N, C-alpha and C. Protein backbone atom coordinates (compact mmCIF):
# COMPACT_ATOMS: atom_id res chain seq x y z
N MET A 1 0.75 -0.89 -0.16
CA MET A 1 0.17 0.24 -0.22
C MET A 1 1.21 1.46 -0.01
N ILE A 2 0.20 2.68 -0.77
CA ILE A 2 1.06 3.38 -0.69
C ILE A 2 0.07 4.26 0.07
N VAL A 3 0.74 5.17 0.51
CA VAL A 3 0.44 6.02 1.86
C VAL A 3 -0.11 7.15 0.88
N ILE A 4 -0.32 8.64 1.12
CA ILE A 4 -0.48 9.93 1.65
C ILE A 4 -0.82 10.49 2.43
N MET A 5 -0.09 11.58 3.20
CA MET A 5 -0.59 12.23 4.27
C MET A 5 0.30 13.51 4.46
N GLY A 6 -0.18 14.54 5.09
CA GLY A 6 0.54 15.46 5.34
C GLY A 6 -0.77 16.57 5.72
N PRO A 7 -0.92 17.92 6.44
CA PRO A 7 -1.67 18.50 6.95
C PRO A 7 -2.37 18.96 5.31
N GLY A 8 -3.70 18.98 5.72
CA GLY A 8 -4.66 20.42 4.74
C GLY A 8 -3.78 21.31 4.05
N ARG A 9 -4.37 21.02 2.84
CA ARG A 9 -4.00 22.10 1.56
C ARG A 9 -2.11 22.05 1.56
N CYS A 10 -1.37 21.02 1.33
CA CYS A 10 -0.51 20.74 1.29
C CYS A 10 -0.53 19.93 -0.28
N GLY A 11 -1.28 19.51 -0.54
CA GLY A 11 -0.60 18.69 -1.93
C GLY A 11 -1.29 17.18 -2.23
N THR A 12 -1.74 16.63 -0.88
CA THR A 12 -2.02 15.34 -0.78
C THR A 12 -3.03 15.39 -2.14
N THR A 13 -4.09 15.98 -2.23
CA THR A 13 -4.96 15.07 -2.93
C THR A 13 -4.56 15.80 -4.47
N PHE A 14 -3.67 16.37 -4.64
CA PHE A 14 -2.97 16.80 -6.39
C PHE A 14 -1.99 15.31 -6.46
N LEU A 15 -1.64 14.76 -5.42
CA LEU A 15 -0.92 13.81 -5.20
C LEU A 15 -1.66 12.38 -5.76
N ILE A 16 -2.56 12.07 -5.01
CA ILE A 16 -4.03 11.27 -4.98
C ILE A 16 -4.39 11.10 -6.62
N GLN A 17 -4.69 12.43 -6.98
CA GLN A 17 -5.21 12.49 -8.05
C GLN A 17 -4.48 12.02 -9.39
N MET A 18 -3.35 12.45 -8.95
CA MET A 18 -2.18 11.73 -10.00
C MET A 18 -1.79 10.30 -10.50
N PHE A 19 -1.93 9.97 -8.83
CA PHE A 19 -1.91 8.32 -8.67
C PHE A 19 -3.10 8.05 -10.06
N THR A 20 -4.18 8.32 -9.28
CA THR A 20 -5.58 8.01 -10.06
C THR A 20 -5.30 8.20 -11.54
N ALA A 21 -4.90 9.09 -11.87
CA ALA A 21 -4.75 9.52 -13.86
C ALA A 21 -3.22 8.33 -13.94
N LEU A 22 -2.78 7.48 -13.45
CA LEU A 22 -1.63 7.73 -13.79
C LEU A 22 -2.15 5.47 -14.37
N GLY A 23 -3.93 5.38 -12.89
CA GLY A 23 -4.30 4.21 -13.40
C GLY A 23 -3.55 3.47 -11.87
N PHE A 24 -3.28 3.98 -11.10
CA PHE A 24 -3.11 3.63 -10.21
C PHE A 24 -4.19 3.10 -8.82
N ASP A 25 -4.67 1.79 -8.58
CA ASP A 25 -5.75 1.41 -7.64
C ASP A 25 -6.07 2.82 -6.37
N THR A 26 -6.91 3.91 -6.66
CA THR A 26 -7.43 4.29 -5.43
C THR A 26 -8.41 4.61 -4.78
N ALA A 27 -9.54 3.32 -5.73
CA ALA A 27 -10.83 3.57 -5.31
C ALA A 27 -11.61 4.24 -5.78
N GLY A 28 -11.03 5.45 -6.46
CA GLY A 28 -11.92 6.84 -6.79
C GLY A 28 -11.80 7.43 -5.60
N ARG A 29 -11.54 6.89 -4.61
CA ARG A 29 -11.47 8.40 -3.46
C ARG A 29 -10.07 8.68 -3.09
N TRP A 30 -10.34 10.31 -2.65
CA TRP A 30 -9.46 10.96 -2.36
C TRP A 30 -9.64 11.33 -0.35
N GLU A 31 -10.16 11.03 -0.09
CA GLU A 31 -10.36 11.13 1.33
C GLU A 31 -11.15 9.83 1.88
N ILE A 32 -10.54 8.76 1.44
CA ILE A 32 -11.42 7.46 1.87
C ILE A 32 -11.61 7.16 3.12
N PHE A 33 -11.01 8.44 4.43
CA PHE A 33 -11.05 8.06 5.73
C PHE A 33 -12.85 8.86 5.91
N ARG A 34 -12.47 9.91 5.03
CA ARG A 34 -13.90 10.89 5.69
C ARG A 34 -15.09 10.19 4.91
N GLU A 35 -14.92 9.64 3.18
CA GLU A 35 -16.30 9.34 2.42
C GLU A 35 -16.51 7.83 2.61
N GLU A 36 -15.45 6.99 3.65
CA GLU A 36 -15.91 6.19 3.53
C GLU A 36 -16.28 5.53 5.55
N ARG A 37 -15.96 6.42 6.33
CA ARG A 37 -16.32 6.07 7.52
C ARG A 37 -17.10 4.69 8.14
N LYS A 38 -18.48 4.97 7.07
CA LYS A 38 -18.95 3.75 8.07
C LYS A 38 -19.08 2.30 7.47
N GLU A 39 -18.52 2.56 5.78
CA GLU A 39 -17.64 1.10 5.21
C GLU A 39 -17.44 0.66 6.20
N ILE A 40 -15.79 1.61 6.47
CA ILE A 40 -15.08 0.93 7.45
C ILE A 40 -15.28 0.21 8.85
N SER A 41 -15.82 0.76 9.32
CA SER A 41 -16.58 0.14 10.39
C SER A 41 -17.50 -0.68 10.61
N ARG A 42 -17.83 -0.87 9.26
CA ARG A 42 -18.70 -1.89 9.33
C ARG A 42 -17.71 -3.20 8.92
N LEU A 43 -17.19 -3.01 8.20
CA LEU A 43 -16.41 -4.52 7.31
C LEU A 43 -15.19 -4.60 8.54
N GLY A 44 -14.33 -3.73 8.74
CA GLY A 44 -13.55 -3.73 9.80
C GLY A 44 -12.35 -4.14 9.22
N LYS A 45 -11.40 -5.18 9.77
CA LYS A 45 -10.07 -5.77 8.69
C LYS A 45 -10.71 -6.72 7.88
N LYS A 46 -11.76 -6.07 7.13
CA LYS A 46 -12.17 -7.01 5.55
C LYS A 46 -12.22 -5.93 5.19
N TYR A 47 -12.09 -4.61 5.08
CA TYR A 47 -12.78 -3.46 4.77
C TYR A 47 -11.75 -3.35 3.05
N PRO A 48 -12.34 -4.04 2.21
CA PRO A 48 -10.81 -3.99 0.92
C PRO A 48 -10.14 -2.23 -0.03
N TRP A 49 -8.87 -2.29 0.90
CA TRP A 49 -8.16 -1.02 0.46
C TRP A 49 -7.44 -1.28 -1.08
N PRO A 50 -7.99 -0.26 -1.35
CA PRO A 50 -6.92 0.45 -2.19
C PRO A 50 -5.55 0.33 -2.11
N ARG A 51 -4.69 0.39 -3.09
CA ARG A 51 -3.01 0.27 -3.33
C ARG A 51 -2.75 1.54 -2.87
N VAL A 52 -3.34 3.18 -3.26
CA VAL A 52 -3.07 4.16 -2.59
C VAL A 52 -4.02 4.69 -1.60
N ILE A 53 -3.36 5.29 -0.90
CA ILE A 53 -5.14 5.86 0.17
C ILE A 53 -4.74 7.26 0.35
N LYS A 54 -4.87 8.45 1.42
CA LYS A 54 -4.42 9.86 1.45
C LYS A 54 -5.27 10.01 3.14
N GLY A 55 -4.81 10.47 3.52
CA GLY A 55 -4.96 11.27 4.84
C GLY A 55 -4.32 12.26 5.14
N THR A 56 -5.04 13.17 5.91
CA THR A 56 -4.14 14.16 6.46
C THR A 56 -4.87 14.25 8.26
N GLY A 57 -3.57 15.26 8.47
CA GLY A 57 -4.37 15.49 10.22
C GLY A 57 -4.37 14.03 10.64
N ALA A 58 -5.02 13.50 10.82
CA ALA A 58 -5.71 12.44 11.40
C ALA A 58 -4.56 10.72 11.23
N LEU A 59 -4.44 10.64 10.25
CA LEU A 59 -3.74 10.05 9.25
C LEU A 59 -2.07 9.97 10.19
N CYS A 60 -1.86 11.26 10.40
CA CYS A 60 -0.15 11.61 10.46
C CYS A 60 0.11 11.02 12.18
N GLN A 61 -1.02 11.20 13.00
CA GLN A 61 -0.94 10.21 13.85
C GLN A 61 -0.91 9.40 14.08
N LYS A 62 -2.06 8.41 13.80
CA LYS A 62 -2.54 7.76 13.82
C LYS A 62 -2.32 6.21 12.51
N LEU A 63 -1.32 6.47 11.82
CA LEU A 63 -0.82 5.28 11.03
C LEU A 63 -0.14 4.34 11.41
N LYS A 64 0.49 4.06 12.16
CA LYS A 64 1.04 3.08 13.16
C LYS A 64 -0.67 2.17 13.66
N LYS A 65 -1.31 2.95 14.00
CA LYS A 65 -2.12 2.00 15.06
C LYS A 65 -3.14 1.23 13.45
N LYS A 66 -3.31 2.15 12.15
CA LYS A 66 -4.34 1.61 11.48
C LYS A 66 -3.48 0.84 10.87
N ALA A 67 -2.06 1.18 10.12
CA ALA A 67 -1.56 -0.37 10.01
C ALA A 67 -1.86 -1.47 10.44
N ASP A 68 -1.17 -1.78 11.89
CA ASP A 68 -1.33 -2.62 12.77
C ASP A 68 -3.02 -3.26 12.99
N PHE A 69 -3.84 -2.55 12.75
CA PHE A 69 -5.33 -2.92 12.91
C PHE A 69 -5.57 -3.81 11.72
N TYR A 70 -5.53 -2.53 10.56
CA TYR A 70 -6.23 -3.14 9.24
C TYR A 70 -5.17 -4.09 8.29
N GLY A 71 -3.84 -4.93 8.90
CA GLY A 71 -2.77 -5.69 8.46
C GLY A 71 -2.08 -4.92 7.20
N TRP A 72 -2.11 -3.20 6.92
CA TRP A 72 -1.64 -2.62 6.16
C TRP A 72 -0.53 -3.55 5.68
N LYS A 73 0.58 -3.64 4.54
CA LYS A 73 1.58 -3.86 4.28
C LYS A 73 2.21 -2.20 3.71
N LEU A 74 2.73 -1.52 3.83
CA LEU A 74 3.30 -0.47 3.77
C LEU A 74 4.18 -0.35 2.60
N GLU A 75 4.60 0.25 0.86
CA GLU A 75 5.62 -0.10 0.11
C GLU A 75 6.04 1.54 -0.08
N HIS A 76 5.35 1.95 0.52
CA HIS A 76 6.32 3.74 0.01
C HIS A 76 5.22 5.18 1.01
N ILE A 77 5.83 5.92 2.01
CA ILE A 77 4.87 6.63 2.52
C ILE A 77 5.41 7.85 1.56
N TYR A 78 4.54 8.76 1.48
CA TYR A 78 4.62 10.62 0.69
C TYR A 78 3.75 10.90 1.94
N ILE A 79 5.06 12.06 2.39
CA ILE A 79 4.30 13.49 2.89
C ILE A 79 4.56 14.43 2.55
N CYS A 80 2.93 14.86 2.74
CA CYS A 80 3.36 16.35 1.64
C CYS A 80 3.64 17.69 2.42
N TYR A 81 3.93 18.80 2.03
CA TYR A 81 4.13 19.59 2.74
C TYR A 81 4.32 20.89 1.92
N ARG A 82 3.65 22.30 2.41
CA ARG A 82 4.14 23.39 1.55
C ARG A 82 4.30 24.23 2.97
N GLN A 83 4.74 25.57 2.32
CA GLN A 83 5.70 26.60 3.44
C GLN A 83 4.06 27.44 4.05
N LEU A 84 4.73 27.37 5.29
CA LEU A 84 3.27 27.37 6.88
C LEU A 84 2.45 28.57 5.95
N GLU A 85 2.30 29.86 5.72
CA GLU A 85 2.01 31.44 5.24
C GLU A 85 1.42 31.03 4.18
N PRO A 86 1.55 30.44 2.78
CA PRO A 86 0.86 30.07 2.20
C PRO A 86 -0.47 28.93 2.39
N MET A 87 0.03 27.63 3.42
CA MET A 87 -0.72 26.52 3.39
C MET A 87 -1.62 27.09 4.78
N MET A 88 -1.17 28.03 5.87
CA MET A 88 -2.92 28.58 6.26
C MET A 88 -3.62 29.62 5.47
N ASN A 89 -3.07 30.50 4.77
CA ASN A 89 -3.76 31.24 3.89
C ASN A 89 -4.74 30.42 3.00
N SER A 90 -4.75 29.76 2.69
CA SER A 90 -5.30 28.67 1.76
C SER A 90 -6.26 28.11 2.20
N ARG A 91 -5.69 27.14 3.87
CA ARG A 91 -6.83 26.88 4.17
C ARG A 91 -7.84 27.98 5.43
N ILE A 92 -7.61 29.08 5.55
CA ILE A 92 -8.17 30.32 6.09
C ILE A 92 -9.36 30.46 4.62
N ALA A 93 -8.38 30.72 3.56
CA ALA A 93 -9.54 31.32 2.92
C ALA A 93 -10.74 30.03 1.73
N ARG A 94 -9.93 29.23 2.69
CA ARG A 94 -11.25 28.23 1.95
C ARG A 94 -11.83 27.64 3.11
N LYS A 95 -11.73 28.60 4.51
CA LYS A 95 -12.70 28.10 5.24
C LYS A 95 -12.37 26.71 6.01
N SER A 96 -11.21 26.13 6.28
CA SER A 96 -10.86 25.01 5.80
C SER A 96 -10.15 24.81 7.90
N ILE A 97 -10.95 25.17 8.45
CA ILE A 97 -10.65 25.68 9.91
C ILE A 97 -11.65 24.88 10.68
N PRO A 98 -10.50 24.40 12.05
CA PRO A 98 -11.93 23.73 13.15
C PRO A 98 -12.81 24.69 13.68
N LYS A 99 -13.81 23.56 13.65
CA LYS A 99 -15.05 24.33 14.38
C LYS A 99 -14.87 25.06 15.89
N SER A 100 -13.67 24.22 16.26
CA SER A 100 -13.06 25.15 17.79
C SER A 100 -12.95 26.34 17.32
N GLN A 101 -11.61 27.10 16.19
CA GLN A 101 -11.46 27.69 16.25
C GLN A 101 -12.03 28.68 15.57
N ARG A 102 -13.16 28.65 15.03
CA ARG A 102 -14.28 29.84 13.74
C ARG A 102 -14.53 30.80 14.47
N LYS A 103 -14.73 30.99 15.86
CA LYS A 103 -15.27 32.21 15.91
C LYS A 103 -13.85 33.25 16.64
N LYS A 104 -13.01 32.48 16.56
CA LYS A 104 -12.16 33.19 17.27
C LYS A 104 -11.29 34.53 16.13
N SER A 105 -10.84 35.39 16.65
CA SER A 105 -9.83 36.39 15.37
C SER A 105 -8.99 35.35 14.52
N PRO A 106 -8.60 36.30 13.53
CA PRO A 106 -8.16 36.21 12.49
C PRO A 106 -6.30 35.70 13.11
N GLU A 107 -6.14 36.72 13.72
CA GLU A 107 -4.93 36.43 14.66
C GLU A 107 -4.79 35.65 15.76
N GLU A 108 -5.84 34.75 16.39
CA GLU A 108 -5.69 33.48 16.82
C GLU A 108 -5.79 32.18 16.03
N ILE A 109 -6.64 32.75 14.82
CA ILE A 109 -6.32 31.39 14.52
C ILE A 109 -5.35 31.28 13.44
N ARG A 110 -4.21 32.16 13.18
CA ARG A 110 -3.20 32.20 12.55
C ARG A 110 -2.03 31.75 13.67
N GLU A 111 -2.08 32.12 14.78
CA GLU A 111 -1.55 31.56 16.32
C GLU A 111 -1.55 29.85 15.91
N TYR A 112 -3.04 29.20 16.26
CA TYR A 112 -3.89 28.21 16.38
C TYR A 112 -2.72 27.02 14.98
N PHE A 113 -2.76 27.96 13.57
CA PHE A 113 -2.07 26.76 13.08
C PHE A 113 -0.50 26.76 12.54
N GLN A 114 0.33 28.10 13.22
CA GLN A 114 1.45 28.03 13.26
C GLN A 114 1.73 27.24 14.46
N GLY A 115 0.72 26.50 15.33
CA GLY A 115 0.98 25.58 16.63
C GLY A 115 0.83 24.42 15.83
N THR A 116 -0.48 23.64 15.34
CA THR A 116 -0.63 22.71 15.15
C THR A 116 -0.30 21.94 13.96
N ILE A 117 -0.33 22.85 12.30
CA ILE A 117 0.58 22.59 11.61
C ILE A 117 2.17 21.72 11.39
N PRO A 118 2.96 23.00 11.90
CA PRO A 118 4.35 21.80 12.08
C PRO A 118 4.03 20.87 12.74
N ARG A 119 3.00 20.51 13.81
CA ARG A 119 3.27 19.60 14.85
C ARG A 119 3.01 18.20 14.34
N THR A 120 1.74 18.63 13.40
CA THR A 120 1.32 17.82 12.59
C THR A 120 2.36 16.69 11.17
N LEU A 121 3.14 17.70 11.09
CA LEU A 121 4.40 17.05 10.07
C LEU A 121 5.15 16.19 10.85
N GLY A 122 5.64 17.09 12.14
CA GLY A 122 6.70 15.88 12.98
C GLY A 122 5.72 14.74 13.53
N HIS A 123 4.28 14.56 13.59
CA HIS A 123 3.32 13.41 13.92
C HIS A 123 4.02 12.49 12.66
N ALA A 124 4.00 12.87 10.95
CA ALA A 124 4.30 12.65 10.02
C ALA A 124 5.25 11.74 10.56
N LEU A 125 6.57 12.42 10.55
CA LEU A 125 7.79 11.80 10.60
C LEU A 125 7.40 11.05 11.30
N HIS A 126 7.35 11.55 12.33
CA HIS A 126 7.28 10.32 13.50
C HIS A 126 6.77 9.09 13.14
N GLN A 127 5.47 8.53 12.76
CA GLN A 127 4.72 7.69 12.30
C GLN A 127 5.41 6.93 11.12
N ALA A 128 6.10 7.59 10.43
CA ALA A 128 6.94 7.25 8.92
C ALA A 128 7.77 6.42 9.71
N ALA A 129 8.16 6.89 10.90
CA ALA A 129 9.61 6.14 11.07
C ALA A 129 9.71 4.40 11.53
N PHE A 130 8.19 4.17 11.49
CA PHE A 130 7.66 2.85 12.06
C PHE A 130 8.25 1.37 11.29
N PHE A 131 8.18 2.16 10.38
CA PHE A 131 8.27 1.62 8.73
C PHE A 131 9.15 1.16 7.97
N ASP A 132 9.44 -0.09 7.58
CA ASP A 132 10.43 -0.18 6.58
C ASP A 132 10.49 0.12 4.84
N CYS A 133 10.20 1.03 4.70
CA CYS A 133 9.85 1.24 3.83
C CYS A 133 10.47 2.33 3.18
N PRO A 134 10.14 2.97 1.80
CA PRO A 134 10.93 4.37 1.26
C PRO A 134 10.09 5.45 2.10
N VAL A 135 10.27 6.77 2.41
CA VAL A 135 9.77 7.33 2.92
C VAL A 135 10.22 8.63 1.81
N THR A 136 9.45 9.27 1.27
CA THR A 136 9.39 10.52 0.46
C THR A 136 9.06 11.73 0.45
N VAL A 137 9.02 12.72 1.00
CA VAL A 137 8.47 14.30 1.10
C VAL A 137 8.59 15.16 0.03
N VAL A 138 7.40 15.32 -0.35
CA VAL A 138 6.99 15.84 -1.72
C VAL A 138 6.10 17.42 -1.51
N LYS A 139 7.31 18.45 -1.57
CA LYS A 139 6.98 20.18 -2.03
C LYS A 139 5.38 20.51 -2.51
N PHE A 140 4.99 20.93 -2.22
CA PHE A 140 3.80 21.73 -2.38
C PHE A 140 3.85 23.02 -3.05
N PRO A 141 4.00 23.67 -4.03
CA PRO A 141 3.02 23.32 -5.11
C PRO A 141 4.22 22.72 -6.13
N ARG A 142 5.75 22.88 -5.68
CA ARG A 142 7.13 22.27 -6.82
C ARG A 142 6.24 20.94 -7.39
N SER A 143 5.42 20.02 -6.67
CA SER A 143 5.09 19.06 -7.37
C SER A 143 4.12 19.21 -8.08
N ALA A 144 2.95 19.67 -8.49
CA ALA A 144 2.57 20.74 -9.42
C ALA A 144 2.53 21.43 -10.91
N THR A 145 4.40 22.45 -10.71
CA THR A 145 4.55 23.04 -11.59
C THR A 145 6.00 22.65 -11.87
N ASP A 146 6.60 21.62 -11.38
CA ASP A 146 8.23 21.98 -11.33
C ASP A 146 8.21 20.21 -12.48
N MET A 147 8.49 20.00 -13.60
CA MET A 147 8.12 18.81 -14.09
C MET A 147 9.17 17.60 -13.98
N ASP A 148 9.82 18.22 -13.58
CA ASP A 148 11.33 16.73 -13.33
C ASP A 148 11.41 16.62 -11.72
N TYR A 149 10.53 17.47 -11.55
CA TYR A 149 10.22 17.07 -9.66
C TYR A 149 9.14 15.58 -9.73
N LEU A 150 7.95 16.41 -10.68
CA LEU A 150 7.19 15.33 -10.87
C LEU A 150 7.61 14.56 -11.46
N CYS A 151 8.38 14.23 -12.23
CA CYS A 151 8.83 12.89 -12.80
C CYS A 151 9.52 12.01 -12.34
N SER A 152 10.33 12.46 -10.83
CA SER A 152 11.11 12.01 -10.14
C SER A 152 10.33 10.83 -9.15
N ILE A 153 8.98 11.33 -8.87
CA ILE A 153 8.21 10.92 -7.81
C ILE A 153 7.04 9.70 -8.11
N PHE A 154 7.20 9.55 -9.53
CA PHE A 154 6.42 8.57 -10.19
C PHE A 154 7.09 7.75 -11.04
N GLU A 155 8.35 8.03 -11.70
CA GLU A 155 9.40 7.24 -12.31
C GLU A 155 9.69 5.81 -11.86
N PRO A 156 9.70 5.82 -10.36
CA PRO A 156 10.01 4.32 -10.16
C PRO A 156 9.13 3.61 -9.90
N TYR A 157 8.01 4.29 -10.28
CA TYR A 157 6.57 3.29 -10.36
C TYR A 157 6.98 2.54 -11.98
N GLY A 158 7.68 3.09 -12.46
CA GLY A 158 7.88 2.80 -14.44
C GLY A 158 7.21 3.24 -15.05
N CYS A 159 6.26 4.00 -14.70
CA CYS A 159 5.50 5.35 -15.46
C CYS A 159 6.87 6.19 -16.16
N THR A 160 6.47 6.36 -17.00
CA THR A 160 7.10 7.32 -18.61
C THR A 160 6.79 8.91 -18.24
N ARG A 161 7.70 9.45 -18.37
CA ARG A 161 7.99 10.83 -18.52
C ARG A 161 6.50 11.56 -19.38
N GLU A 162 6.46 11.04 -20.46
CA GLU A 162 5.70 11.32 -21.00
C GLU A 162 3.96 10.85 -20.59
N GLN A 163 3.90 9.98 -20.21
CA GLN A 163 2.67 9.74 -18.94
C GLN A 163 2.26 10.55 -18.05
N ILE A 164 3.35 11.00 -17.19
CA ILE A 164 3.48 11.74 -16.81
C ILE A 164 2.87 13.36 -16.27
N LEU A 165 3.63 13.32 -17.88
CA LEU A 165 2.87 15.05 -17.78
C LEU A 165 1.80 14.85 -18.46
N GLU A 166 1.44 14.24 -19.29
CA GLU A 166 -0.33 13.95 -19.40
C GLU A 166 -1.03 13.53 -18.16
N ALA A 167 -0.76 13.07 -17.82
CA ALA A 167 -1.13 12.96 -16.37
C ALA A 167 -1.85 14.08 -15.52
N CYS A 168 -0.01 15.04 -15.60
CA CYS A 168 -0.09 16.58 -15.15
C CYS A 168 -1.24 17.04 -15.84
N PHE A 169 -0.90 17.30 -16.79
CA PHE A 169 -1.89 18.35 -17.53
C PHE A 169 -3.22 17.93 -17.76
N ARG A 170 -3.92 17.03 -17.15
CA ARG A 170 -5.46 16.44 -16.98
C ARG A 170 -5.75 17.03 -15.55
N VAL A 171 -4.88 16.92 -14.74
CA VAL A 171 -5.32 17.18 -13.26
C VAL A 171 -5.06 18.16 -12.36
N ALA A 172 -3.88 18.93 -12.60
CA ALA A 172 -3.04 20.21 -12.16
C ALA A 172 -4.26 21.33 -12.83
N ASP A 173 -4.36 22.06 -12.24
CA ASP A 173 -5.89 23.51 -12.43
C ASP A 173 -4.89 24.26 -12.12
N ARG A 174 -3.31 24.93 -12.61
CA ARG A 174 -2.89 25.81 -12.52
C ARG A 174 -3.41 27.20 -12.02
N THR A 175 -4.19 27.25 -12.65
CA THR A 175 -5.76 28.29 -12.27
C THR A 175 -5.78 28.24 -10.53
N LYS A 176 -5.78 27.32 -9.74
CA LYS A 176 -5.79 27.48 -8.34
C LYS A 176 -4.79 26.87 -7.76
N ILE A 177 -3.42 26.95 -8.16
CA ILE A 177 -2.33 26.31 -7.40
C ILE A 177 -1.55 27.73 -7.07
N ARG A 178 -1.80 27.81 -5.68
CA ARG A 178 -1.24 29.35 -5.49
C ARG A 178 0.51 28.87 -5.08
N PHE A 179 0.96 30.00 -5.49
CA PHE A 179 2.13 29.62 -5.44
C PHE A 179 3.13 30.47 -4.62
N GLY A 180 4.79 30.89 -4.05
CA GLY A 180 5.35 30.93 -2.85
C GLY A 180 5.16 30.22 -1.97
N GLY A 181 5.59 29.13 -2.04
CA GLY A 181 5.62 27.51 -1.40
C GLY A 181 5.92 26.55 -1.69
């Protein structure tokens, strides 16, 4: 299984969309733990996991626990990140703010993100250390704009440069990618 994780608004969705466009089994799900929560609970250890899954926040903290419980055999972990300021700005602009922070001032929300986002990345790195598989840190938006960098992510899976570029042009909406990180 290939796991993609990182804090929200750091390129995890772009990466799983690329895996989907390149023909990897993602079950067509980009937020499997949000979309399939009841199904996962009902089937438990028999849940039919795809080859590639993505999770933000909670998966960064509980990857080892989930892998042990579900019996996942990890082949690669991707940890996505982005510069803090653009990540915070994107989350605030999209109102991707936890309920506990919604009635707070903009300064308090920024302070909250400055504390939680780096901690989430730290949790992700700590979780990755439990597994004997490659771990790759993927910088966003570079992964969506630098084709050599993007190809270096997918070429180990036997994808050709042409396939990767074609998938990127289908997936990446360059009008929505915020630069500066």
